Amino acid sequence: TPATLLAAAAILSAADRGFAAENTKFQSLVLDFSVAYFAADLLHLAVFFAGAGDLPFVIHHLATLFVLLTCRHAASRGAVAVLALLALAEVTSALQNTWALARVRRSNCSSSTHVATACDAALALPFYGLYSIVRGLLGPYVVFRMVVFYSGGGAEGAIATWVWVSWVVVVSMAIAGSVAWVSNLWVEVYR
């Protein structure tokens, strides 16, 4: 997705890739782009809110906006860590969106569900696998590195403690929610 590519480019183009490094202009631009993307997505969710089923997405988007905005405006530092997490989170988006559309199509069709069911089945395992690796292994690894760095004083005097602690808490909760969600999907497969 564009967010993944932009986040990766913003990280790789920086001379200082430390977790407490001052945000570059490009990183700030990518953070602004991501804020606009998540805000537009929230607006879309508000217009087409389908009830309690959309609530986890709304909460996820609000939490993501909090992290992006505090990185961009409250700290003006830490974009490497935040954008690394954003890139990991968004790398599954294209496959997830395709899978979700096939799943919706399958549930909305009463007579001709063969194509939608086949598409859903063909996408389910690759999507669940990729999502599990990214959200269950790579994301927690980045958060672990953040905790080690920040709790060891790596950002002392640069990023306020409340900022990095809130990032770790919010992202850890998001990862836990993602792991629970994909675990339920794996259980569905095994049934």
Foldseek 3Di string as FASTA:
>chain_A
DVLLVQLVCQQVPDPDNDQLDQRDPSLLVSLVVVLVVLVVVLVVCVVVVPPPVCVVVNLLSVLLNVLSCCCNPVQSGRSSLNSVLVSLVCVLVVLVVQLVVLVVVLVPDDPPNPVSVVSNVVSLVVSLVSLCCSLVPVLVVSLVVLCCCVVVPVNPVRGDPVSSVSVSVSSVVVSVVSNVVSVVSVVVVVD
